[in-house]
Amino acid sequence: MKIIVLGAGQVGASVAESLVSEANDITVVDTDATRLALLQDRLDLRTVAGNASSPSVLRQAGADDADMLIAVTQSDQTNLCACKTAHALFNLPTRIARVRSSDFAEHAELFRPENFAVDFSICPEQIITDYIVKLIEFPEALQVLEFADGLLSLVAVRAFEGGPLVGHPLKDMRRHLPRIDARIAAIFRRDTPIIPEGDTVIEVGDEVFCLAASENIRMVMRELRRMDKSVRRIMVAGGGNIGHRVVRALENDYQVKVIDRNKQHARWLAENVNKALVLQGDATDEKLLEDENVDQMDLFLALTNDDENNLMAALLAKRMGARRVAALINRRAYADLLQGSQIDIAISPAQTSIGTLLAHVRRGDVAAVHSLRRGAAEALELVVHGDLHSSQVIGRRIEELPVIKGATIGAVVRRAGEGERHKVIMAHHDTVIEAEDHVIVFVVSKSLVPKVEKLFQVGFAFL
C-alpha cells in the first residue's frame, strides 16, 4: 500500500515505523528537514520537506497514485486542509486526520466529502486519556484493552507471589474457575514470549495476558495476583493537553490534585476544572510533594511534555511513598527500560494511540488493533467474511487451521439476532468459526501480522 504520512513528530514517526515494517511504501512530509533526515537514516522510506497541506508538496510526495493519507501534524488546520486538498485535487481514496480540538471534533458535518473530506479522525490525546481511565479502574493491570464494543477484555498483569495460579500449570485454571471460560493469550518471561499450553507453569514476575468476557475479567486477574485496593486519591503532574483531559475525566469520581509549573496556565486550569485542586509548582520539588501528602496518594500520574521530568517526578513520588506511579514516556527506549522497575507503568503515547490508525490500514476487515508491550506485539479483532469456498477459516475447527507459530486465536464474538446480546466464545481446539464472527488473534511479534491477515482474507471466489 502506498501511504503518505504528514508530520514527523512522535505520532507520525511511530506510524511510519510501524507501517514500514509491514512492507508498505511510505512517504513522510514535514517542515523540519533535520527531523526527516533522522527518520530516513533509520527507516526505509521517502521524505519530503515542505508544508503538508500544499498541493505541490502533496504531489511531490506522490498523492497522484497514493492509497492513503495520514495527516498527523500538530496543527488541526493543516491536517484538515491537507485532507481537503488530497480529495479535491488528487482524488486520494482514504484520508485520516488527527484532530485535537474539541471544537472540530464535535461537528462531524465538517468531515463530510463536501467539506474537509475526512474519512476518519483521531485524537491521540483523548485515546490516551481513555486508556489511563481504564487503567485506574484496574489498578493491578499493566494494560487494559477492550474488543467487540467492550464485551471482551484483554488485561496484562504481572504474576505475583501468592497468586492461586502462580506455580501451577494453566490447565488448573478451569478447576479454580469452573464457571468462567477464560484464556491466557500469551506469557512474556524476562521479555521472551512463551506460547501458553495446558502444561505451561506461570512463574512469579511473568507478564501474563488474560482474555475473558469483561464481566469476568477481575475474577481471572485474582488467579494471578493480589487485588490492590481501589484508587481514591490521585496526583497528576502536568496540566497540558493530556493532563487537563485526564483531570476532567477523573475529578468527579476521585480526589484529584494537579500540579503545573506555569503560573498562567495553572490559573487557566483552576478556571477550567470543576472539583480538582490545582497547584502551581514543580512536580520534582520534594518539599511541594511532601506538603501535598504524596505519600497518601493511591496513584501518581506524570503527564508533562518532558520525558525526563516525568521520570524524575514519578521516581521521586514513588520514593516518597505514592502507592503506584505511572509516567508518560515518548522515547521508546526509556519506556522499555523502566517498565516494571520503580515506575509501575510506562505509557507510550504513540503506541497507545497507534492501534486506532492501524485498524484502518490493515488488509481485510479489521475492527480493532491494540499495540502491546510498547509495539512489540499486537492483538487484532478480525471480522470473518466469505463462505466455505472462499474462506480458509469458515466452517473449520481451530485445530484444522494452518499453524502460525506465535499467533494465538483467543476468542470469538458471534453476532446475535436483533435485540439479543452478542455471544463471547473462548477459543478451544474444536471451536468452529462462522461467517461474520469477530475473531481475536494475539501475535507475539508484529512480523506475524501479514500471515494472519492473509489467513483471514477472502479469496477470489467470494469477490
Protein backbone atom coordinates (compact mmCIF):
# COMPACT_ATOMS: atom_id res chain seq x y z
CA MET A 1 0.00 0.00 0.00
CA LYS A 2 1.27 3.49 -0.87
CA ILE A 3 0.81 5.75 2.16
CA ILE A 4 1.67 9.42 2.78
CA VAL A 5 2.22 10.39 6.42
CA LEU A 6 2.03 14.11 7.17
CA GLY A 7 4.01 15.04 10.29
CA ALA A 8 7.24 13.50 11.59
CA GLY A 9 6.55 14.07 15.28
CA GLN A 10 6.10 11.29 17.83
CA VAL A 11 2.81 10.06 16.36
CA GLY A 12 3.88 10.40 12.72
CA ALA A 13 7.26 8.72 13.31
CA SER A 14 5.64 5.82 15.19
CA VAL A 15 3.04 5.35 12.45
CA ALA A 16 5.74 5.39 9.78
CA GLU A 17 7.92 2.92 11.69
CA SER A 18 5.02 0.53 12.19
CA LEU A 19 3.87 0.68 8.57
CA VAL A 20 7.35 0.40 7.04
CA SER A 21 7.90 -2.84 8.94
CA GLU A 22 4.88 -4.26 7.11
CA ALA A 23 6.28 -3.66 3.61
CA ASN A 24 4.24 -0.56 2.78
CA ASP A 25 5.55 2.22 0.53
CA ILE A 26 5.80 5.17 2.94
CA THR A 27 6.50 8.86 2.31
CA VAL A 28 6.75 11.24 5.28
CA VAL A 29 6.19 15.01 4.90
CA ASP A 30 7.31 17.61 7.45
CA THR A 31 8.63 21.17 7.52
CA ASP A 32 11.62 20.10 9.66
CA ALA A 33 14.30 18.73 7.29
CA THR A 34 16.55 17.67 10.19
CA ARG A 35 13.81 15.57 11.75
CA LEU A 36 13.12 13.96 8.37
CA ALA A 37 16.82 13.16 7.87
CA LEU A 38 16.96 11.38 11.24
CA LEU A 39 13.87 9.38 10.32
CA GLN A 40 15.26 8.41 6.92
CA ASP A 41 18.54 7.30 8.48
CA ARG A 42 16.84 4.53 10.44
CA LEU A 43 13.83 3.63 8.26
CA ASP A 44 13.40 2.60 4.63
CA LEU A 45 11.09 5.39 3.47
CA ARG A 46 10.94 8.57 1.38
CA THR A 47 10.77 12.05 2.86
CA VAL A 48 9.60 15.40 1.50
CA ALA A 49 10.32 18.71 3.26
CA GLY A 50 7.56 21.28 2.98
CA ASN A 51 4.09 22.45 4.01
CA ALA A 52 1.93 19.34 4.40
CA SER A 53 -1.22 20.98 3.01
CA SER A 54 0.45 22.46 -0.09
CA PRO A 55 -0.73 20.91 -3.41
CA SER A 56 2.78 20.95 -4.84
CA VAL A 57 4.23 19.24 -1.76
CA LEU A 58 1.49 16.58 -1.80
CA ARG A 59 2.15 15.98 -5.50
CA GLN A 60 5.87 15.63 -4.78
CA ALA A 61 5.01 13.12 -2.03
CA GLY A 62 3.11 11.00 -4.57
CA ALA A 63 -0.52 11.97 -3.93
CA ASP A 64 -1.41 11.25 -7.57
CA ASP A 65 -1.32 7.49 -7.01
CA ALA A 66 -1.28 7.12 -3.21
CA ASP A 67 -3.76 4.82 -1.47
CA MET A 68 -3.95 6.60 1.88
CA LEU A 69 -3.15 9.94 3.52
CA ILE A 70 -2.50 10.02 7.28
CA ALA A 71 -2.37 13.66 8.44
CA VAL A 72 -0.95 13.75 11.99
CA THR A 73 0.84 17.09 12.22
CA GLN A 74 0.49 19.20 15.38
CA SER A 75 -1.92 21.55 13.56
CA ASP A 76 -5.59 20.62 13.15
CA GLN A 77 -5.94 23.22 10.42
CA THR A 78 -3.05 21.77 8.42
CA ASN A 79 -4.42 18.23 8.77
CA LEU A 80 -7.93 19.20 7.68
CA CYS A 81 -6.72 21.35 4.79
CA ALA A 82 -4.43 18.54 3.58
CA CYS A 83 -7.34 16.07 3.53
CA LYS A 84 -9.47 18.52 1.54
CA THR A 85 -6.65 19.16 -0.93
CA ALA A 86 -5.93 15.43 -1.32
CA HIS A 87 -9.61 14.76 -2.05
CA ALA A 88 -10.28 17.71 -4.36
CA LEU A 89 -7.08 17.68 -6.43
CA PHE A 90 -5.86 14.09 -6.31
CA ASN A 91 -8.98 12.04 -5.50
CA LEU A 92 -6.87 10.22 -2.92
CA PRO A 93 -9.04 7.27 -1.72
CA THR A 94 -8.60 7.25 2.08
CA ARG A 95 -7.89 10.30 4.25
CA ILE A 96 -7.25 10.16 8.01
CA ALA A 97 -6.75 13.31 10.12
CA ARG A 98 -5.52 13.96 13.63
CA VAL A 99 -7.95 16.44 15.23
CA ARG A 100 -7.05 17.63 18.73
CA SER A 101 -9.57 20.44 19.21
CA SER A 102 -13.00 19.50 20.51
CA ASP A 103 -14.37 22.47 18.52
CA PHE A 104 -13.75 20.48 15.34
CA ALA A 105 -14.41 17.02 16.78
CA GLU A 106 -17.91 17.96 18.00
CA HIS A 107 -19.05 18.95 14.49
CA ALA A 108 -19.00 15.76 12.44
CA GLU A 109 -20.52 17.52 9.44
CA LEU A 110 -17.19 19.28 8.91
CA PHE A 111 -15.62 15.94 7.92
CA ARG A 112 -18.06 15.18 5.09
CA PRO A 113 -16.76 14.94 1.49
CA GLU A 114 -18.20 18.33 0.57
CA ASN A 115 -16.33 19.97 3.46
CA PHE A 116 -12.93 18.76 4.75
CA ALA A 117 -13.36 15.25 3.26
CA VAL A 118 -12.01 13.34 6.26
CA ASP A 119 -12.83 9.61 6.21
CA PHE A 120 -11.71 9.06 9.78
CA SER A 121 -10.47 11.37 12.54
CA ILE A 122 -8.40 10.51 15.60
CA CYS A 123 -7.45 12.40 18.73
CA PRO A 124 -4.40 10.71 20.32
CA GLU A 125 -4.79 12.80 23.48
CA GLN A 126 -8.33 11.51 24.03
CA ILE A 127 -7.28 7.92 23.27
CA ILE A 128 -4.53 8.19 25.90
CA THR A 129 -6.99 9.72 28.38
CA ASP A 130 -9.45 6.85 27.91
CA TYR A 131 -6.57 4.38 28.28
CA ILE A 132 -5.45 5.93 31.59
CA VAL A 133 -9.01 5.99 32.96
CA LYS A 134 -9.35 2.27 32.19
CA LEU A 135 -6.04 1.54 33.95
CA ILE A 136 -7.35 3.31 37.05
CA GLU A 137 -10.39 1.02 37.07
CA PHE A 138 -7.95 -1.94 37.16
CA PRO A 139 -5.07 -0.71 39.37
CA GLU A 140 -3.33 -4.11 39.25
CA ALA A 141 -3.06 -4.12 35.45
CA LEU A 142 -0.24 -3.09 33.11
CA GLN A 143 -2.65 -2.77 30.17
CA VAL A 144 -6.43 -2.95 29.80
CA LEU A 145 -7.86 -3.28 26.29
CA GLU A 146 -11.37 -3.89 25.02
CA PHE A 147 -12.79 -5.69 21.98
CA ALA A 148 -16.23 -6.10 20.42
CA ASP A 149 -17.62 -2.85 21.83
CA GLY A 150 -16.50 -3.69 25.36
CA LEU A 151 -17.85 -7.25 25.57
CA LEU A 152 -14.37 -8.76 25.77
CA SER A 153 -11.30 -7.54 27.70
CA LEU A 154 -7.60 -8.31 27.39
CA VAL A 155 -5.68 -7.46 30.54
CA ALA A 156 -1.93 -7.66 31.12
CA VAL A 157 -0.80 -8.33 34.71
CA ARG A 158 2.46 -9.26 36.34
CA ALA A 159 2.16 -12.60 38.15
CA PHE A 160 2.56 -12.07 41.88
CA GLU A 161 3.87 -14.45 44.51
CA GLY A 162 0.89 -15.96 46.28
CA GLY A 163 -1.47 -15.85 43.31
CA PRO A 164 -3.56 -19.07 43.24
CA LEU A 165 -2.39 -19.99 39.73
CA VAL A 166 1.26 -18.94 40.14
CA GLY A 167 3.48 -22.02 40.22
CA HIS A 168 0.75 -24.18 38.71
CA PRO A 169 0.01 -25.29 35.11
CA LEU A 170 -2.54 -23.32 33.11
CA LYS A 171 -4.86 -26.32 32.89
CA ASP A 172 -5.58 -25.83 36.62
CA MET A 173 -7.39 -22.57 35.82
CA ARG A 174 -10.56 -24.42 34.86
CA ARG A 175 -10.55 -26.12 38.27
CA HIS A 176 -10.08 -22.75 40.03
CA LEU A 177 -12.75 -21.03 37.90
CA PRO A 178 -15.23 -23.78 36.97
CA ARG A 179 -17.98 -21.37 35.85
CA ILE A 180 -15.80 -18.95 33.91
CA ASP A 181 -14.29 -19.54 30.48
CA ALA A 182 -11.07 -17.56 30.05
CA ARG A 183 -7.84 -17.80 28.09
CA ILE A 184 -4.24 -16.94 28.80
CA ALA A 185 -3.43 -15.43 25.40
CA ALA A 186 0.33 -15.02 25.93
CA ILE A 187 3.07 -15.00 28.53
CA PHE A 188 6.27 -12.95 28.44
CA ARG A 189 9.03 -14.18 30.74
CA ARG A 190 12.04 -11.88 31.02
CA ASP A 191 10.91 -10.27 27.74
CA THR A 192 10.80 -13.64 25.94
CA PRO A 193 7.40 -14.80 24.59
CA ILE A 194 6.11 -18.18 25.73
CA ILE A 195 3.23 -19.80 23.85
CA PRO A 196 0.74 -20.84 26.55
CA GLU A 197 -0.24 -24.51 26.68
CA GLY A 198 -2.04 -26.59 29.26
CA ASP A 199 1.17 -27.70 30.96
CA THR A 200 2.78 -24.22 30.98
CA VAL A 201 3.57 -23.18 34.56
CA ILE A 202 3.22 -19.48 35.45
CA GLU A 203 6.19 -18.06 37.35
CA VAL A 204 6.47 -15.03 39.62
CA GLY A 205 7.22 -11.95 37.51
CA ASP A 206 5.70 -13.29 34.29
CA GLU A 207 3.79 -10.72 32.24
CA VAL A 208 0.53 -12.54 31.54
CA PHE A 209 -2.17 -11.52 29.05
CA CYS A 210 -5.63 -12.72 30.14
CA LEU A 211 -8.63 -12.73 27.82
CA ALA A 212 -12.18 -13.06 29.14
CA ALA A 213 -15.65 -11.59 28.95
CA SER A 214 -15.37 -8.12 30.50
CA GLU A 215 -17.77 -9.04 33.31
CA ASN A 216 -15.43 -11.90 34.39
CA ILE A 217 -12.01 -10.32 33.95
CA ARG A 218 -11.49 -9.35 37.61
CA MET A 219 -12.01 -12.93 38.78
CA VAL A 220 -9.41 -14.14 36.28
CA MET A 221 -6.92 -11.50 37.45
CA ARG A 222 -7.30 -12.70 41.05
CA GLU A 223 -5.80 -16.03 39.98
CA LEU A 224 -2.51 -14.29 39.17
CA ARG A 225 -2.01 -11.64 41.83
CA ARG A 226 -3.39 -9.95 44.92
CA MET A 227 -6.01 -7.36 44.04
CA ASP A 228 -4.98 -3.85 45.01
CA LYS A 229 -7.34 -1.67 46.97
CA SER A 230 -9.35 0.66 44.78
CA VAL A 231 -7.93 4.04 43.82
CA ARG A 232 -9.34 7.10 45.61
CA ARG A 233 -6.58 9.76 45.72
CA ILE A 234 -4.72 10.77 42.54
CA MET A 235 -2.00 13.35 41.92
CA VAL A 236 -1.33 14.49 38.35
CA ALA A 237 1.91 16.21 37.31
CA GLY A 238 1.28 18.37 34.24
CA GLY A 239 -1.91 20.13 33.20
CA GLY A 240 -1.29 20.24 29.44
CA ASN A 241 -3.47 18.78 26.72
CA ILE A 242 -3.39 15.24 28.14
CA GLY A 243 -3.18 16.19 31.82
CA HIS A 244 -6.19 18.50 31.57
CA ARG A 245 -8.26 15.85 29.79
CA VAL A 246 -7.33 13.24 32.39
CA VAL A 247 -8.20 15.55 35.30
CA ARG A 248 -11.60 16.40 33.76
CA ALA A 249 -12.29 12.68 33.24
CA LEU A 250 -11.39 11.76 36.84
CA GLU A 251 -12.31 14.66 39.10
CA ASN A 252 -15.95 13.71 39.67
CA ASP A 253 -15.12 10.16 40.83
CA TYR A 254 -11.77 10.61 42.61
CA GLN A 255 -9.91 13.10 44.81
CA VAL A 256 -7.60 14.74 42.29
CA LYS A 257 -4.71 17.19 42.67
CA VAL A 258 -2.93 18.57 39.60
CA ILE A 259 0.45 20.33 39.61
CA ASP A 260 1.51 22.67 36.81
CA ARG A 261 4.75 24.63 36.65
CA ASN A 262 3.45 27.55 34.59
CA LYS A 263 1.70 30.16 36.75
CA GLN A 264 -0.51 31.48 33.96
CA HIS A 265 -1.52 28.01 32.82
CA ALA A 266 -2.20 26.93 36.41
CA ARG A 267 -4.59 29.87 36.71
CA TRP A 268 -6.30 28.79 33.47
CA LEU A 269 -6.56 25.22 34.78
CA ALA A 270 -8.19 26.39 38.00
CA GLU A 271 -10.87 28.08 35.91
CA ASN A 272 -11.41 25.05 33.68
CA VAL A 273 -11.76 22.19 36.16
CA ASN A 274 -14.67 21.50 38.49
CA LYS A 275 -13.52 19.72 41.65
CA ALA A 276 -9.79 19.12 41.23
CA LEU A 277 -7.31 21.08 43.34
CA VAL A 278 -4.85 22.98 41.12
CA LEU A 279 -1.34 23.65 42.45
CA GLN A 280 1.27 25.87 40.83
CA GLY A 281 4.76 24.46 41.23
CA ASP A 282 7.36 21.92 40.13
CA ALA A 283 6.35 18.25 40.38
CA THR A 284 10.00 17.37 41.09
CA ASP A 285 10.03 19.69 44.15
CA GLU A 286 10.36 17.34 47.12
CA LYS A 287 9.01 19.94 49.58
CA LEU A 288 5.89 20.54 47.47
CA LEU A 289 5.18 16.80 47.21
CA GLU A 290 5.68 16.39 50.94
CA ASP A 291 3.37 19.32 51.75
CA GLU A 292 0.70 17.87 49.46
CA ASN A 293 0.91 14.40 51.08
CA VAL A 294 2.18 12.46 48.09
CA ASP A 295 2.70 9.51 50.46
CA GLN A 296 -1.08 9.23 50.79
CA MET A 297 -1.68 9.04 47.03
CA ASP A 298 -3.01 5.81 45.55
CA LEU A 299 -1.74 6.87 42.13
CA PHE A 300 0.74 9.46 40.86
CA LEU A 301 0.50 10.29 37.14
CA ALA A 302 3.39 12.16 35.48
CA LEU A 303 1.87 13.60 32.29
CA THR A 304 4.04 16.58 31.31
CA ASN A 305 5.52 17.02 27.82
CA ASP A 306 9.04 16.27 29.08
CA ASP A 307 10.17 12.64 29.44
CA GLU A 308 12.95 13.44 31.91
CA ASN A 309 10.62 15.49 34.15
CA ASN A 310 8.08 12.67 34.09
CA LEU A 311 10.71 10.12 35.05
CA MET A 312 12.12 12.22 37.88
CA ALA A 313 8.70 13.18 39.24
CA ALA A 314 7.44 9.58 39.16
CA LEU A 315 10.59 8.17 40.77
CA LEU A 316 10.51 10.83 43.47
CA ALA A 317 6.81 10.26 44.19
CA LYS A 318 7.44 6.51 44.46
CA ARG A 319 10.38 7.02 46.82
CA MET A 320 8.26 9.33 48.97
CA GLY A 321 5.50 6.75 49.38
CA ALA A 322 2.99 7.00 46.50
CA ARG A 323 1.45 3.54 46.19
CA ARG A 324 1.57 3.33 42.41
CA VAL A 325 3.16 5.62 39.80
CA ALA A 326 2.78 5.92 36.03
CA ALA A 327 4.74 8.11 33.63
CA LEU A 328 4.10 9.28 30.09
CA ILE A 329 7.27 8.38 28.15
CA ASN A 330 7.68 9.31 24.49
CA ARG A 331 11.09 7.69 23.99
CA ARG A 332 10.54 4.00 23.43
CA ALA A 333 13.98 3.10 24.82
CA TYR A 334 13.08 4.79 28.12
CA ALA A 335 9.72 3.01 28.31
CA ASP A 336 11.27 -0.41 27.65
CA LEU A 337 13.96 0.24 30.25
CA LEU A 338 11.72 1.47 33.04
CA GLN A 339 8.53 -0.62 32.79
CA GLY A 340 8.32 -2.81 35.87
CA SER A 341 11.09 -1.01 37.80
CA GLN A 342 10.24 1.64 40.41
CA ILE A 343 7.87 3.05 37.80
CA ASP A 344 4.87 0.73 37.74
CA ILE A 345 3.56 1.71 34.30
CA ALA A 346 5.38 3.49 31.47
CA ILE A 347 2.81 4.82 29.00
CA SER A 348 3.96 5.34 25.41
CA PRO A 349 1.61 7.95 23.83
CA ALA A 350 2.35 6.92 20.25
CA GLN A 351 1.98 3.17 20.88
CA THR A 352 -1.21 3.71 22.88
CA SER A 353 -2.91 5.62 20.07
CA ILE A 354 -1.44 3.90 17.02
CA GLY A 355 -3.82 0.93 17.11
CA THR A 356 -6.73 3.14 16.08
CA LEU A 357 -4.82 4.09 12.93
CA LEU A 358 -3.63 0.57 12.20
CA ALA A 359 -7.19 -0.76 12.14
CA HIS A 360 -7.73 1.36 9.02
CA VAL A 361 -4.51 0.29 7.33
CA ARG A 362 -4.68 -3.46 7.84
CA ARG A 363 -5.67 -5.63 4.90
CA GLY A 364 -9.04 -7.29 5.29
CA ASP A 365 -11.79 -6.21 7.67
CA VAL A 366 -10.12 -5.29 10.97
CA ALA A 367 -12.41 -3.92 13.68
CA ALA A 368 -9.67 -3.15 16.19
CA VAL A 369 -5.89 -3.29 16.64
CA HIS A 370 -4.18 -2.92 20.00
CA SER A 371 -0.43 -2.42 20.30
CA LEU A 372 1.01 -4.48 23.16
CA ARG A 373 4.26 -4.33 25.06
CA ARG A 374 5.06 -0.91 23.58
CA GLY A 375 4.69 -2.06 19.99
CA ALA A 376 6.42 -5.45 20.12
CA ALA A 377 3.20 -7.49 19.97
CA GLU A 378 -0.37 -6.95 18.78
CA ALA A 379 -3.91 -8.08 19.36
CA LEU A 380 -6.29 -7.87 16.40
CA GLU A 381 -10.06 -8.13 16.09
CA LEU A 382 -10.70 -9.56 12.62
CA VAL A 383 -14.15 -9.81 11.03
CA VAL A 384 -14.63 -13.05 9.07
CA HIS A 385 -16.23 -12.75 5.62
CA GLY A 386 -16.92 -15.18 2.79
CA ASP A 387 -18.22 -18.76 2.70
CA LEU A 388 -16.92 -22.32 2.79
CA HIS A 389 -15.39 -21.97 -0.69
CA SER A 390 -13.79 -18.51 -0.48
CA SER A 391 -12.53 -18.51 3.13
CA GLN A 392 -9.73 -20.56 4.69
CA VAL A 393 -11.32 -20.35 8.15
CA ILE A 394 -15.13 -20.51 7.82
CA GLY A 395 -16.63 -23.87 8.80
CA ARG A 396 -13.32 -25.14 10.14
CA ARG A 397 -12.32 -26.03 13.67
CA ILE A 398 -9.43 -24.03 15.09
CA GLU A 399 -7.30 -27.18 15.27
CA GLU A 400 -7.74 -27.55 11.48
CA LEU A 401 -6.39 -24.09 10.63
CA PRO A 402 -2.82 -23.61 9.37
CA VAL A 403 -0.46 -23.17 12.31
CA ILE A 404 1.20 -19.75 12.58
CA LYS A 405 3.78 -20.12 15.33
CA GLY A 406 3.48 -17.16 17.68
CA ALA A 407 -0.14 -16.40 16.77
CA THR A 408 -2.99 -17.47 19.04
CA ILE A 409 -6.75 -17.28 18.47
CA GLY A 410 -8.04 -16.24 21.86
CA ALA A 411 -11.76 -15.75 21.44
CA VAL A 412 -14.66 -15.43 19.03
CA VAL A 413 -17.52 -12.94 19.33
CA ARG A 414 -20.59 -14.19 17.47
CA ARG A 415 -23.23 -11.74 16.32
CA ALA A 416 -26.69 -12.42 17.75
CA GLY A 417 -30.10 -11.62 16.37
CA GLU A 418 -31.60 -8.15 16.63
CA GLY A 419 -32.14 -7.15 20.25
CA GLU A 420 -30.05 -10.07 21.55
CA ARG A 421 -26.66 -9.93 23.26
CA HIS A 422 -23.66 -11.00 21.17
CA LYS A 423 -22.07 -14.25 22.32
CA VAL A 424 -18.48 -14.39 23.64
CA ILE A 425 -16.84 -17.76 22.93
CA MET A 426 -13.41 -18.56 24.35
CA ALA A 427 -11.48 -20.30 21.61
CA HIS A 428 -10.77 -24.04 22.04
CA HIS A 429 -9.37 -26.59 19.60
CA ASP A 430 -12.87 -27.65 18.49
CA THR A 431 -14.38 -24.14 18.13
CA VAL A 432 -15.80 -23.72 14.62
CA ILE A 433 -15.53 -20.28 13.00
CA GLU A 434 -18.59 -18.90 11.21
CA ALA A 435 -19.12 -16.07 8.73
CA GLU A 436 -19.29 -12.59 10.35
CA ASP A 437 -17.60 -13.80 13.56
CA HIS A 438 -15.22 -11.35 15.21
CA VAL A 439 -12.04 -13.32 15.93
CA ILE A 440 -9.49 -12.06 18.47
CA VAL A 441 -5.95 -13.00 17.47
CA PHE A 442 -2.86 -12.37 19.61
CA VAL A 443 0.57 -12.22 17.90
CA VAL A 444 3.77 -12.14 19.95
CA SER A 445 5.59 -10.32 17.11
CA LYS A 446 4.32 -7.73 14.63
CA SER A 447 6.16 -9.61 11.86
CA LEU A 448 3.42 -12.26 12.03
CA VAL A 449 0.60 -9.83 11.18
CA PRO A 450 0.76 -10.26 7.36
CA LYS A 451 0.46 -14.06 7.72
CA VAL A 452 -2.58 -13.67 9.98
CA GLU A 453 -4.18 -11.17 7.61
CA LYS A 454 -3.63 -13.50 4.66
CA LEU A 455 -5.25 -16.38 6.52
CA PHE A 456 -8.43 -14.35 7.12
CA GLN A 457 -8.66 -12.68 3.69
CA VAL A 458 -11.47 -13.60 1.33
CA GLY A 459 -10.48 -15.50 -1.81
CA PHE A 460 -11.42 -14.52 -5.36
CA ALA A 461 -14.32 -16.98 -5.44
CA PHE A 462 -16.22 -14.80 -2.97
CA LEU A 463 -15.25 -11.47 -4.56
